[in-house]
Amino acid sequence: MKGNNNPVIDLAQRSVEMEQRNWLVRHYQGDQSAFPKLVQWLRKPIYTYLVRCGISIDSRDDLFQDIFLKIHAAAASYQPKRPLKPWVFTIAANTVRNHFRMEKNRRTVPLKQDFETQADSSPGTERIAVANETVSWLEQAITRLPLAQREVLVLTTIQDLQLKDVACILKIPLNTVKTHLRRARLNLLKAKAMREQEED
């Protein structure tokens, strides 16, 4: 959790992060057990990124595999002193951008429910249904944002990366990251207001 000043927790987090960084180094050095661990750790974040960037369900698995093939191919260039997650998402973001560039007819696809929604057993069925509907609407609203806003929103809000890391990943100025993020949030607020007006 951000803002946690517990030195024991901080030390444990740093230890875990160093182990994760070493997986890629060990893989490059020939350790056959390292890459599966890396894939398992990154599986959900990468797939979530693909979904929320609006990659169609027919293309997600191919892009997912493509990203990890590129991670494998670029393993020699990774410097263990650098945080691994921003390095990985640089590859993921470039892959997604290339995919959209190659699409002749870009279209917005309806999202299938890709994430399990864990509901507290205490709320009533109606409240759970409303919550699920809201989540589904938000997922679709995110995919309708311009790609530049969408990828910044997903990397900062969903993947919890720092603004400066997102700027490096996307190779854009920090102020541009802030602008895209602000516009993404404003567009979602406008979409929410229009949805509420339609429901009245």
N, C-alpha and C. Protein backbone atom coordinates (compact mmCIF):
# COMPACT_ATOMS: atom_id res chain seq x y z
N MET A 1 0.85 -1.20 0.00
CA MET A 1 0.00 0.00 0.00
C MET A 1 0.87 1.23 0.00
N LYS A 2 0.46 2.19 -0.82
CA LYS A 2 1.24 3.42 -0.88
C LYS A 2 1.14 4.17 0.45
N GLY A 3 2.24 4.82 0.80
CA GLY A 3 2.22 5.62 2.01
C GLY A 3 2.48 4.82 3.28
N ASN A 4 2.77 3.53 3.15
CA ASN A 4 3.02 2.69 4.30
C ASN A 4 4.47 2.88 4.72
N ASN A 5 4.67 3.36 5.94
CA ASN A 5 6.02 3.67 6.42
C ASN A 5 6.59 2.57 7.30
N ASN A 6 5.97 1.40 7.29
CA ASN A 6 6.47 0.30 8.10
C ASN A 6 7.75 -0.23 7.47
N PRO A 7 8.90 -0.10 8.16
CA PRO A 7 10.18 -0.51 7.56
C PRO A 7 10.24 -2.00 7.28
N VAL A 8 9.56 -2.82 8.09
CA VAL A 8 9.57 -4.27 7.89
C VAL A 8 8.85 -4.61 6.59
N ILE A 9 7.68 -3.97 6.38
CA ILE A 9 6.91 -4.21 5.16
C ILE A 9 7.67 -3.71 3.94
N ASP A 10 8.29 -2.52 4.08
CA ASP A 10 9.06 -1.96 2.98
C ASP A 10 10.22 -2.88 2.59
N LEU A 11 10.89 -3.43 3.59
CA LEU A 11 12.01 -4.33 3.33
C LEU A 11 11.52 -5.60 2.63
N ALA A 12 10.37 -6.12 3.08
CA ALA A 12 9.81 -7.33 2.46
C ALA A 12 9.42 -7.06 1.01
N GLN A 13 8.83 -5.89 0.76
CA GLN A 13 8.44 -5.53 -0.61
C GLN A 13 9.65 -5.40 -1.52
N ARG A 14 10.71 -4.79 -1.00
CA ARG A 14 11.93 -4.63 -1.80
C ARG A 14 12.55 -6.00 -2.10
N SER A 15 12.47 -6.90 -1.10
CA SER A 15 13.02 -8.24 -1.29
C SER A 15 12.26 -8.99 -2.38
N VAL A 16 10.93 -8.87 -2.37
CA VAL A 16 10.09 -9.53 -3.39
C VAL A 16 10.38 -8.94 -4.76
N GLU A 17 10.52 -7.60 -4.82
CA GLU A 17 10.78 -6.93 -6.08
C GLU A 17 12.12 -7.37 -6.67
N MET A 18 13.14 -7.51 -5.83
CA MET A 18 14.45 -7.94 -6.30
C MET A 18 14.38 -9.36 -6.84
N GLU A 19 13.59 -10.21 -6.17
CA GLU A 19 13.43 -11.59 -6.66
C GLU A 19 12.78 -11.60 -8.03
N GLN A 20 11.76 -10.74 -8.21
CA GLN A 20 11.07 -10.66 -9.50
C GLN A 20 12.01 -10.18 -10.60
N ARG A 21 12.84 -9.19 -10.28
CA ARG A 21 13.81 -8.70 -11.27
C ARG A 21 14.78 -9.81 -11.66
N ASN A 22 15.17 -10.62 -10.70
CA ASN A 22 16.15 -11.67 -10.95
C ASN A 22 15.59 -12.80 -11.81
N TRP A 23 14.25 -12.94 -11.86
CA TRP A 23 13.66 -13.99 -12.70
C TRP A 23 14.08 -13.81 -14.15
N LEU A 24 14.04 -12.57 -14.63
CA LEU A 24 14.40 -12.33 -16.03
C LEU A 24 15.89 -12.55 -16.26
N VAL A 25 16.70 -12.14 -15.31
CA VAL A 25 18.15 -12.35 -15.40
C VAL A 25 18.46 -13.85 -15.40
N ARG A 26 17.82 -14.57 -14.50
CA ARG A 26 18.05 -16.01 -14.40
C ARG A 26 17.59 -16.72 -15.67
N HIS A 27 16.47 -16.24 -16.23
CA HIS A 27 15.97 -16.82 -17.48
C HIS A 27 17.01 -16.65 -18.59
N TYR A 28 17.56 -15.46 -18.70
CA TYR A 28 18.56 -15.18 -19.74
C TYR A 28 19.81 -16.04 -19.53
N GLN A 29 20.10 -16.34 -18.27
CA GLN A 29 21.29 -17.14 -17.95
C GLN A 29 21.04 -18.64 -18.11
N GLY A 30 19.78 -19.01 -18.44
CA GLY A 30 19.49 -20.41 -18.73
C GLY A 30 18.68 -21.15 -17.69
N ASP A 31 18.22 -20.46 -16.65
CA ASP A 31 17.39 -21.09 -15.63
C ASP A 31 15.99 -21.32 -16.20
N GLN A 32 15.64 -22.57 -16.46
CA GLN A 32 14.37 -22.88 -17.10
C GLN A 32 13.17 -22.70 -16.18
N SER A 33 13.39 -22.56 -14.90
CA SER A 33 12.27 -22.39 -13.96
C SER A 33 11.89 -20.92 -13.79
N ALA A 34 12.74 -19.99 -14.28
CA ALA A 34 12.54 -18.57 -13.98
C ALA A 34 11.43 -17.94 -14.82
N PHE A 35 11.41 -18.24 -16.12
CA PHE A 35 10.45 -17.56 -17.00
C PHE A 35 9.00 -17.92 -16.67
N PRO A 36 8.67 -19.18 -16.37
CA PRO A 36 7.30 -19.49 -15.96
C PRO A 36 6.85 -18.71 -14.74
N LYS A 37 7.77 -18.46 -13.81
CA LYS A 37 7.43 -17.65 -12.63
C LYS A 37 7.13 -16.22 -13.04
N LEU A 38 7.92 -15.71 -13.97
CA LEU A 38 7.71 -14.35 -14.46
C LEU A 38 6.35 -14.23 -15.16
N VAL A 39 6.04 -15.21 -15.99
CA VAL A 39 4.76 -15.21 -16.71
C VAL A 39 3.60 -15.28 -15.73
N GLN A 40 3.71 -16.12 -14.73
CA GLN A 40 2.64 -16.25 -13.74
C GLN A 40 2.42 -14.95 -12.98
N TRP A 41 3.50 -14.26 -12.65
CA TRP A 41 3.40 -13.00 -11.91
C TRP A 41 2.78 -11.91 -12.78
N LEU A 42 3.11 -11.90 -14.06
CA LEU A 42 2.66 -10.82 -14.94
C LEU A 42 1.37 -11.15 -15.70
N ARG A 43 0.89 -12.37 -15.59
CA ARG A 43 -0.26 -12.80 -16.38
C ARG A 43 -1.46 -11.87 -16.21
N LYS A 44 -1.88 -11.65 -14.97
CA LYS A 44 -3.08 -10.84 -14.74
C LYS A 44 -2.86 -9.37 -15.11
N PRO A 45 -1.74 -8.72 -14.68
CA PRO A 45 -1.54 -7.31 -15.08
C PRO A 45 -1.51 -7.10 -16.59
N ILE A 46 -0.84 -7.98 -17.32
CA ILE A 46 -0.75 -7.82 -18.77
C ILE A 46 -2.11 -8.04 -19.42
N TYR A 47 -2.80 -9.08 -19.00
CA TYR A 47 -4.11 -9.36 -19.60
C TYR A 47 -5.10 -8.25 -19.28
N THR A 48 -5.04 -7.74 -18.06
CA THR A 48 -5.89 -6.62 -17.68
C THR A 48 -5.60 -5.41 -18.56
N TYR A 49 -4.34 -5.16 -18.83
CA TYR A 49 -3.96 -4.04 -19.69
C TYR A 49 -4.54 -4.21 -21.08
N LEU A 50 -4.46 -5.40 -21.64
CA LEU A 50 -4.99 -5.66 -22.97
C LEU A 50 -6.50 -5.43 -23.01
N VAL A 51 -7.20 -5.94 -22.00
CA VAL A 51 -8.65 -5.79 -21.95
C VAL A 51 -9.04 -4.33 -21.86
N ARG A 52 -8.40 -3.62 -20.94
CA ARG A 52 -8.81 -2.24 -20.69
C ARG A 52 -8.34 -1.29 -21.77
N CYS A 53 -7.38 -1.71 -22.58
CA CYS A 53 -6.98 -0.89 -23.73
C CYS A 53 -7.91 -1.12 -24.93
N GLY A 54 -8.83 -2.06 -24.79
CA GLY A 54 -9.81 -2.28 -25.84
C GLY A 54 -9.41 -3.31 -26.88
N ILE A 55 -8.46 -4.16 -26.55
CA ILE A 55 -8.08 -5.22 -27.48
C ILE A 55 -9.22 -6.23 -27.56
N SER A 56 -9.63 -6.58 -28.77
CA SER A 56 -10.76 -7.48 -28.94
C SER A 56 -10.44 -8.86 -28.36
N ILE A 57 -11.47 -9.55 -27.97
CA ILE A 57 -11.29 -10.86 -27.34
C ILE A 57 -10.60 -11.85 -28.28
N ASP A 58 -10.78 -11.66 -29.59
CA ASP A 58 -10.15 -12.56 -30.57
C ASP A 58 -8.65 -12.33 -30.68
N SER A 59 -8.19 -11.15 -30.28
CA SER A 59 -6.77 -10.80 -30.44
C SER A 59 -5.97 -10.87 -29.15
N ARG A 60 -6.65 -10.96 -28.02
CA ARG A 60 -5.95 -10.85 -26.74
C ARG A 60 -4.90 -11.93 -26.52
N ASP A 61 -5.26 -13.18 -26.79
CA ASP A 61 -4.31 -14.27 -26.53
C ASP A 61 -3.08 -14.15 -27.42
N ASP A 62 -3.29 -13.76 -28.69
CA ASP A 62 -2.16 -13.60 -29.60
C ASP A 62 -1.23 -12.48 -29.12
N LEU A 63 -1.81 -11.35 -28.71
CA LEU A 63 -0.99 -10.24 -28.24
C LEU A 63 -0.31 -10.59 -26.92
N PHE A 64 -1.02 -11.32 -26.08
CA PHE A 64 -0.45 -11.76 -24.80
C PHE A 64 0.82 -12.58 -25.05
N GLN A 65 0.71 -13.53 -25.98
CA GLN A 65 1.87 -14.36 -26.30
C GLN A 65 2.98 -13.54 -26.96
N ASP A 66 2.56 -12.61 -27.82
CA ASP A 66 3.54 -11.77 -28.50
C ASP A 66 4.35 -10.94 -27.50
N ILE A 67 3.66 -10.41 -26.50
CA ILE A 67 4.34 -9.60 -25.48
C ILE A 67 5.40 -10.43 -24.76
N PHE A 68 5.05 -11.66 -24.40
CA PHE A 68 6.01 -12.47 -23.65
C PHE A 68 7.14 -12.99 -24.54
N LEU A 69 6.86 -13.17 -25.83
CA LEU A 69 7.94 -13.50 -26.75
C LEU A 69 8.93 -12.34 -26.85
N LYS A 70 8.41 -11.12 -26.86
CA LYS A 70 9.27 -9.93 -26.92
C LYS A 70 10.05 -9.76 -25.62
N ILE A 71 9.41 -10.06 -24.49
CA ILE A 71 10.13 -10.00 -23.20
C ILE A 71 11.29 -11.00 -23.23
N HIS A 72 11.01 -12.20 -23.73
CA HIS A 72 12.06 -13.22 -23.84
C HIS A 72 13.19 -12.74 -24.74
N ALA A 73 12.81 -12.17 -25.89
CA ALA A 73 13.82 -11.73 -26.86
C ALA A 73 14.66 -10.57 -26.35
N ALA A 74 14.05 -9.75 -25.50
CA ALA A 74 14.75 -8.55 -25.01
C ALA A 74 15.41 -8.76 -23.65
N ALA A 75 15.40 -9.98 -23.16
CA ALA A 75 15.91 -10.25 -21.81
C ALA A 75 17.35 -9.78 -21.63
N ALA A 76 18.14 -9.90 -22.68
CA ALA A 76 19.56 -9.52 -22.58
C ALA A 76 19.73 -8.03 -22.35
N SER A 77 18.74 -7.23 -22.77
CA SER A 77 18.87 -5.77 -22.65
C SER A 77 18.38 -5.25 -21.30
N TYR A 78 17.75 -6.11 -20.51
CA TYR A 78 17.22 -5.65 -19.22
C TYR A 78 18.34 -5.46 -18.21
N GLN A 79 18.30 -4.33 -17.52
CA GLN A 79 19.28 -4.03 -16.49
C GLN A 79 18.62 -4.20 -15.12
N PRO A 80 19.09 -5.16 -14.32
CA PRO A 80 18.44 -5.50 -13.05
C PRO A 80 18.30 -4.34 -12.08
N LYS A 81 19.08 -3.28 -12.26
CA LYS A 81 18.95 -2.12 -11.36
C LYS A 81 17.66 -1.35 -11.63
N ARG A 82 17.08 -1.56 -12.81
CA ARG A 82 15.85 -0.84 -13.16
C ARG A 82 14.64 -1.63 -12.66
N PRO A 83 13.56 -0.94 -12.25
CA PRO A 83 12.32 -1.65 -11.89
C PRO A 83 11.82 -2.45 -13.09
N LEU A 84 11.35 -3.65 -12.84
CA LEU A 84 10.97 -4.54 -13.92
C LEU A 84 9.62 -4.19 -14.54
N LYS A 85 8.66 -3.81 -13.71
CA LYS A 85 7.29 -3.61 -14.23
C LYS A 85 7.22 -2.50 -15.28
N PRO A 86 7.83 -1.32 -15.07
CA PRO A 86 7.82 -0.31 -16.13
C PRO A 86 8.49 -0.80 -17.41
N TRP A 87 9.57 -1.57 -17.28
CA TRP A 87 10.27 -2.11 -18.44
C TRP A 87 9.34 -3.04 -19.23
N VAL A 88 8.62 -3.89 -18.51
CA VAL A 88 7.69 -4.83 -19.15
C VAL A 88 6.55 -4.09 -19.84
N PHE A 89 6.02 -3.06 -19.18
CA PHE A 89 4.87 -2.36 -19.75
C PHE A 89 5.28 -1.45 -20.91
N THR A 90 6.55 -1.14 -21.03
CA THR A 90 7.01 -0.46 -22.24
C THR A 90 6.81 -1.39 -23.44
N ILE A 91 7.14 -2.65 -23.27
CA ILE A 91 6.94 -3.64 -24.33
C ILE A 91 5.46 -3.84 -24.60
N ALA A 92 4.66 -3.95 -23.53
CA ALA A 92 3.22 -4.16 -23.69
C ALA A 92 2.56 -2.99 -24.41
N ALA A 93 2.92 -1.77 -24.00
CA ALA A 93 2.31 -0.57 -24.61
C ALA A 93 2.68 -0.45 -26.08
N ASN A 94 3.93 -0.74 -26.42
CA ASN A 94 4.35 -0.68 -27.82
C ASN A 94 3.65 -1.74 -28.66
N THR A 95 3.44 -2.90 -28.08
CA THR A 95 2.74 -3.98 -28.79
C THR A 95 1.30 -3.60 -29.07
N VAL A 96 0.65 -3.01 -28.08
CA VAL A 96 -0.74 -2.58 -28.26
C VAL A 96 -0.83 -1.47 -29.31
N ARG A 97 0.07 -0.52 -29.25
CA ARG A 97 0.07 0.57 -30.22
C ARG A 97 0.27 0.04 -31.64
N ASN A 98 1.21 -0.89 -31.79
CA ASN A 98 1.46 -1.47 -33.11
C ASN A 98 0.23 -2.24 -33.61
N HIS A 99 -0.44 -2.91 -32.70
CA HIS A 99 -1.65 -3.66 -33.07
C HIS A 99 -2.71 -2.72 -33.62
N PHE A 100 -2.95 -1.61 -32.94
CA PHE A 100 -3.96 -0.66 -33.40
C PHE A 100 -3.54 0.00 -34.73
N ARG A 101 -2.24 0.22 -34.88
CA ARG A 101 -1.77 0.82 -36.13
C ARG A 101 -2.02 -0.11 -37.32
N MET A 102 -1.91 -1.42 -37.06
CA MET A 102 -2.07 -2.38 -38.14
C MET A 102 -3.55 -2.70 -38.43
N GLU A 103 -4.42 -2.34 -37.52
CA GLU A 103 -5.84 -2.59 -37.75
C GLU A 103 -6.36 -1.63 -38.82
N LYS A 104 -6.92 -2.15 -39.86
CA LYS A 104 -7.44 -1.29 -40.92
C LYS A 104 -8.74 -0.61 -40.49
N ASN A 105 -9.59 -1.35 -39.87
CA ASN A 105 -10.87 -0.82 -39.44
C ASN A 105 -10.99 -0.99 -37.94
N ARG A 106 -10.55 0.04 -37.23
CA ARG A 106 -10.62 -0.02 -35.78
C ARG A 106 -12.06 0.10 -35.32
N ARG A 107 -12.43 -0.74 -34.39
CA ARG A 107 -13.79 -0.69 -33.89
C ARG A 107 -13.78 -0.90 -32.39
N THR A 108 -14.79 -0.40 -31.73
CA THR A 108 -14.94 -0.60 -30.30
C THR A 108 -15.73 -1.87 -30.10
N VAL A 109 -15.19 -2.77 -29.32
CA VAL A 109 -15.85 -4.05 -29.11
C VAL A 109 -16.46 -4.09 -27.73
N PRO A 110 -17.65 -4.71 -27.60
CA PRO A 110 -18.22 -4.86 -26.27
C PRO A 110 -17.38 -5.80 -25.44
N LEU A 111 -17.22 -5.48 -24.20
CA LEU A 111 -16.39 -6.30 -23.33
C LEU A 111 -17.18 -7.47 -22.77
N LYS A 112 -16.57 -8.61 -22.85
CA LYS A 112 -17.11 -9.77 -22.15
C LYS A 112 -16.66 -9.64 -20.70
N GLN A 113 -17.38 -10.25 -19.79
CA GLN A 113 -16.97 -10.16 -18.39
C GLN A 113 -15.71 -10.97 -18.20
N ASP A 114 -14.57 -10.31 -18.10
CA ASP A 114 -13.28 -10.99 -18.04
C ASP A 114 -12.74 -11.12 -16.63
N PHE A 115 -13.33 -10.36 -15.72
CA PHE A 115 -12.81 -10.39 -14.35
C PHE A 115 -13.92 -10.86 -13.41
N GLU A 116 -13.55 -11.68 -12.49
CA GLU A 116 -14.52 -12.15 -11.52
C GLU A 116 -14.83 -11.02 -10.55
N THR A 117 -16.12 -10.78 -10.35
CA THR A 117 -16.53 -9.75 -9.41
C THR A 117 -16.88 -10.45 -8.10
N GLN A 118 -16.08 -10.18 -7.10
CA GLN A 118 -16.32 -10.79 -5.81
C GLN A 118 -17.25 -9.89 -5.01
N ALA A 119 -18.42 -10.40 -4.73
CA ALA A 119 -19.42 -9.61 -4.02
C ALA A 119 -19.54 -10.10 -2.59
N ASP A 120 -19.67 -9.18 -1.69
CA ASP A 120 -19.93 -9.49 -0.30
C ASP A 120 -21.29 -10.16 -0.22
N SER A 121 -21.38 -11.19 0.58
CA SER A 121 -22.65 -11.91 0.68
C SER A 121 -23.73 -11.09 1.36
N SER A 122 -23.34 -9.98 2.03
CA SER A 122 -24.32 -9.20 2.77
C SER A 122 -25.23 -8.35 1.89
N PRO A 123 -24.74 -7.71 0.78
CA PRO A 123 -25.64 -6.91 -0.01
C PRO A 123 -26.71 -7.76 -0.68
N GLY A 124 -27.85 -7.14 -0.95
CA GLY A 124 -28.93 -7.84 -1.61
C GLY A 124 -28.62 -8.08 -3.07
N THR A 125 -29.40 -8.97 -3.68
CA THR A 125 -29.19 -9.33 -5.08
C THR A 125 -29.29 -8.12 -6.00
N GLU A 126 -30.24 -7.23 -5.70
CA GLU A 126 -30.43 -6.05 -6.55
C GLU A 126 -29.20 -5.15 -6.52
N ARG A 127 -28.64 -4.94 -5.32
CA ARG A 127 -27.46 -4.07 -5.20
C ARG A 127 -26.27 -4.67 -5.93
N ILE A 128 -26.13 -6.00 -5.86
CA ILE A 128 -25.03 -6.67 -6.56
C ILE A 128 -25.20 -6.52 -8.07
N ALA A 129 -26.44 -6.67 -8.53
CA ALA A 129 -26.71 -6.53 -9.97
C ALA A 129 -26.38 -5.12 -10.45
N VAL A 130 -26.76 -4.12 -9.65
CA VAL A 130 -26.46 -2.72 -10.01
C VAL A 130 -24.96 -2.49 -10.03
N ALA A 131 -24.25 -3.04 -9.04
CA ALA A 131 -22.79 -2.88 -8.98
C ALA A 131 -22.12 -3.52 -10.19
N ASN A 132 -22.58 -4.73 -10.55
CA ASN A 132 -22.02 -5.41 -11.71
C ASN A 132 -22.28 -4.64 -13.00
N GLU A 133 -23.46 -4.06 -13.09
CA GLU A 133 -23.82 -3.28 -14.27
C GLU A 133 -22.93 -2.04 -14.38
N THR A 134 -22.67 -1.42 -13.24
CA THR A 134 -21.81 -0.23 -13.22
C THR A 134 -20.39 -0.58 -13.63
N VAL A 135 -19.87 -1.68 -13.13
CA VAL A 135 -18.52 -2.13 -13.50
C VAL A 135 -18.44 -2.40 -15.00
N SER A 136 -19.46 -3.08 -15.52
CA SER A 136 -19.49 -3.38 -16.95
C SER A 136 -19.53 -2.10 -17.78
N TRP A 137 -20.35 -1.13 -17.34
CA TRP A 137 -20.43 0.15 -18.06
C TRP A 137 -19.08 0.87 -18.04
N LEU A 138 -18.42 0.86 -16.87
CA LEU A 138 -17.15 1.55 -16.74
C LEU A 138 -16.09 0.92 -17.64
N GLU A 139 -16.07 -0.42 -17.71
CA GLU A 139 -15.12 -1.11 -18.58
C GLU A 139 -15.30 -0.66 -20.03
N GLN A 140 -16.56 -0.56 -20.46
CA GLN A 140 -16.83 -0.17 -21.84
C GLN A 140 -16.51 1.31 -22.06
N ALA A 141 -16.79 2.13 -21.05
CA ALA A 141 -16.50 3.57 -21.16
C ALA A 141 -15.00 3.80 -21.32
N ILE A 142 -14.20 3.02 -20.62
CA ILE A 142 -12.75 3.15 -20.72
C ILE A 142 -12.28 2.79 -22.13
N THR A 143 -12.86 1.73 -22.72
CA THR A 143 -12.43 1.33 -24.06
C THR A 143 -12.83 2.35 -25.12
N ARG A 144 -13.78 3.23 -24.81
CA ARG A 144 -14.20 4.25 -25.78
C ARG A 144 -13.35 5.51 -25.71
N LEU A 145 -12.48 5.62 -24.71
CA LEU A 145 -11.56 6.76 -24.63
C LEU A 145 -10.54 6.69 -25.76
N PRO A 146 -10.02 7.83 -26.19
CA PRO A 146 -8.91 7.79 -27.14
C PRO A 146 -7.76 6.97 -26.56
N LEU A 147 -7.03 6.27 -27.42
CA LEU A 147 -5.97 5.37 -26.94
C LEU A 147 -4.98 6.08 -26.03
N ALA A 148 -4.59 7.30 -26.38
CA ALA A 148 -3.60 8.03 -25.57
C ALA A 148 -4.09 8.22 -24.14
N GLN A 149 -5.38 8.52 -23.98
CA GLN A 149 -5.94 8.70 -22.64
C GLN A 149 -6.13 7.35 -21.95
N ARG A 150 -6.53 6.37 -22.74
CA ARG A 150 -6.83 5.04 -22.19
C ARG A 150 -5.59 4.39 -21.59
N GLU A 151 -4.48 4.42 -22.33
CA GLU A 151 -3.29 3.74 -21.86
C GLU A 151 -2.71 4.44 -20.62
N VAL A 152 -2.78 5.77 -20.57
CA VAL A 152 -2.31 6.49 -19.39
C VAL A 152 -3.18 6.17 -18.19
N LEU A 153 -4.49 6.16 -18.38
CA LEU A 153 -5.41 5.86 -17.28
C LEU A 153 -5.18 4.46 -16.73
N VAL A 154 -5.03 3.48 -17.63
CA VAL A 154 -4.85 2.10 -17.20
C VAL A 154 -3.51 1.93 -16.47
N LEU A 155 -2.45 2.51 -17.00
CA LEU A 155 -1.13 2.34 -16.39
C LEU A 155 -1.04 3.00 -15.02
N THR A 156 -1.68 4.18 -14.88
CA THR A 156 -1.58 4.89 -13.59
C THR A 156 -2.60 4.38 -12.58
N THR A 157 -3.83 4.18 -13.02
CA THR A 157 -4.91 3.84 -12.08
C THR A 157 -5.04 2.35 -11.83
N ILE A 158 -4.95 1.56 -12.90
CA ILE A 158 -5.13 0.12 -12.76
C ILE A 158 -3.82 -0.58 -12.40
N GLN A 159 -2.75 -0.22 -13.11
CA GLN A 159 -1.46 -0.87 -12.85
C GLN A 159 -0.66 -0.17 -11.76
N ASP A 160 -1.15 0.99 -11.29
CA ASP A 160 -0.56 1.67 -10.13
C ASP A 160 0.89 2.09 -10.36
N LEU A 161 1.20 2.48 -11.62
CA LEU A 161 2.55 2.95 -11.92
C LEU A 161 2.63 4.46 -11.70
N GLN A 162 3.80 4.94 -11.34
CA GLN A 162 4.00 6.36 -11.12
C GLN A 162 3.98 7.11 -12.45
N LEU A 163 3.61 8.38 -12.38
CA LEU A 163 3.49 9.20 -13.59
C LEU A 163 4.81 9.24 -14.37
N LYS A 164 5.91 9.37 -13.66
CA LYS A 164 7.21 9.45 -14.34
C LYS A 164 7.53 8.14 -15.05
N ASP A 165 7.12 7.01 -14.47
CA ASP A 165 7.35 5.72 -15.13
C ASP A 165 6.47 5.59 -16.37
N VAL A 166 5.24 6.08 -16.29
CA VAL A 166 4.34 6.04 -17.44
C VAL A 166 4.90 6.90 -18.58
N ALA A 167 5.46 8.04 -18.23
CA ALA A 167 6.08 8.91 -19.23
C ALA A 167 7.22 8.18 -19.96
N CYS A 168 8.01 7.43 -19.22
CA CYS A 168 9.11 6.66 -19.82
C CYS A 168 8.57 5.52 -20.68
N ILE A 169 7.55 4.83 -20.18
CA ILE A 169 6.96 3.71 -20.91
C ILE A 169 6.42 4.16 -22.26
N LEU A 170 5.67 5.26 -22.25
CA LEU A 170 5.00 5.73 -23.46
C LEU A 170 5.85 6.69 -24.28
N LYS A 171 7.03 7.05 -23.72
CA LYS A 171 7.95 7.97 -24.41
C LYS A 171 7.29 9.31 -24.74
N ILE A 172 6.63 9.86 -23.73
CA ILE A 172 6.01 11.17 -23.85
C ILE A 172 6.38 12.00 -22.63
N PRO A 173 6.32 13.34 -22.73
CA PRO A 173 6.67 14.19 -21.58
C PRO A 173 5.73 13.95 -20.39
N LEU A 174 6.26 14.19 -19.20
CA LEU A 174 5.47 14.01 -17.98
C LEU A 174 4.21 14.87 -18.00
N ASN A 175 4.32 16.11 -18.46
CA ASN A 175 3.15 16.99 -18.52
C ASN A 175 2.08 16.45 -19.48
N THR A 176 2.51 15.78 -20.53
CA THR A 176 1.55 15.17 -21.45
C THR A 176 0.82 14.01 -20.78
N VAL A 177 1.54 13.24 -19.98
CA VAL A 177 0.90 12.17 -19.20
C VAL A 177 -0.18 12.75 -18.30
N LYS A 178 0.16 13.83 -17.60
CA LYS A 178 -0.80 14.46 -16.70
C LYS A 178 -2.02 14.98 -17.47
N THR A 179 -1.78 15.54 -18.65
CA THR A 179 -2.88 16.06 -19.47
C THR A 179 -3.80 14.93 -19.92
N HIS A 180 -3.21 13.83 -20.43
CA HIS A 180 -4.02 12.69 -20.87
C HIS A 180 -4.83 12.11 -19.71
N LEU A 181 -4.20 12.03 -18.55
CA LEU A 181 -4.90 11.47 -17.38
C LEU A 181 -6.06 12.36 -16.97
N ARG A 182 -5.82 13.66 -16.95
CA ARG A 182 -6.88 14.60 -16.58
C ARG A 182 -8.04 14.52 -17.58
N ARG A 183 -7.72 14.48 -18.86
CA ARG A 183 -8.77 14.42 -19.88
C ARG A 183 -9.54 13.10 -19.82
N ALA A 184 -8.83 12.03 -19.53
CA ALA A 184 -9.49 10.72 -19.41
C ALA A 184 -10.50 10.74 -18.27
N ARG A 185 -10.09 11.28 -17.15
CA ARG A 185 -11.00 11.35 -16.00
C ARG A 185 -12.19 12.26 -16.29
N LEU A 186 -11.94 13.40 -16.96
CA LEU A 186 -13.03 14.31 -17.30
C LEU A 186 -14.00 13.65 -18.28
N ASN A 187 -13.48 12.92 -19.24
CA ASN A 187 -14.34 12.24 -20.20
C ASN A 187 -15.19 11.17 -19.55
N LEU A 188 -14.62 10.46 -18.57
CA LEU A 188 -15.39 9.46 -17.85
C LEU A 188 -16.48 10.11 -17.00
N LEU A 189 -16.15 11.25 -16.40
CA LEU A 189 -17.15 11.97 -15.62
C LEU A 189 -18.29 12.46 -16.51
N LYS A 190 -17.95 12.97 -17.71
CA LYS A 190 -18.98 13.42 -18.64
C LYS A 190 -19.85 12.25 -19.08
N ALA A 191 -19.22 11.12 -19.37
CA ALA A 191 -19.98 9.94 -19.78
C ALA A 191 -20.90 9.47 -18.66
N LYS A 192 -20.42 9.54 -17.44
CA LYS A 192 -21.23 9.14 -16.28
C LYS A 192 -22.43 10.08 -16.13
N ALA A 193 -22.19 11.37 -16.31
CA ALA A 193 -23.29 12.34 -16.19
C ALA A 193 -24.34 12.10 -17.27
N MET A 194 -23.90 11.81 -18.49
CA MET A 194 -24.85 11.54 -19.58
C MET A 194 -25.64 10.26 -19.31
N ARG A 195 -24.97 9.29 -18.74
CA ARG A 195 -25.65 8.02 -18.39
C ARG A 195 -26.73 8.26 -17.34
N GLU A 196 -26.39 9.08 -16.35
CA GLU A 196 -27.37 9.37 -15.29
C GLU A 196 -28.56 10.16 -15.84
N GLN A 197 -28.30 11.08 -16.78
CA GLN A 197 -29.40 11.84 -17.40
C GLN A 197 -30.33 10.91 -18.18
N GLU A 198 -29.75 9.95 -18.87
CA GLU A 198 -30.55 9.01 -19.67
C GLU A 198 -31.41 8.12 -18.77
N GLU A 199 -30.90 7.85 -17.57
CA GLU A 199 -31.63 6.98 -16.65
C GLU A 199 -32.76 7.71 -15.93
N ASP A 200 -32.67 9.06 -15.85
CA ASP A 200 -33.72 9.85 -15.17
C ASP A 200 -35.01 9.87 -15.95
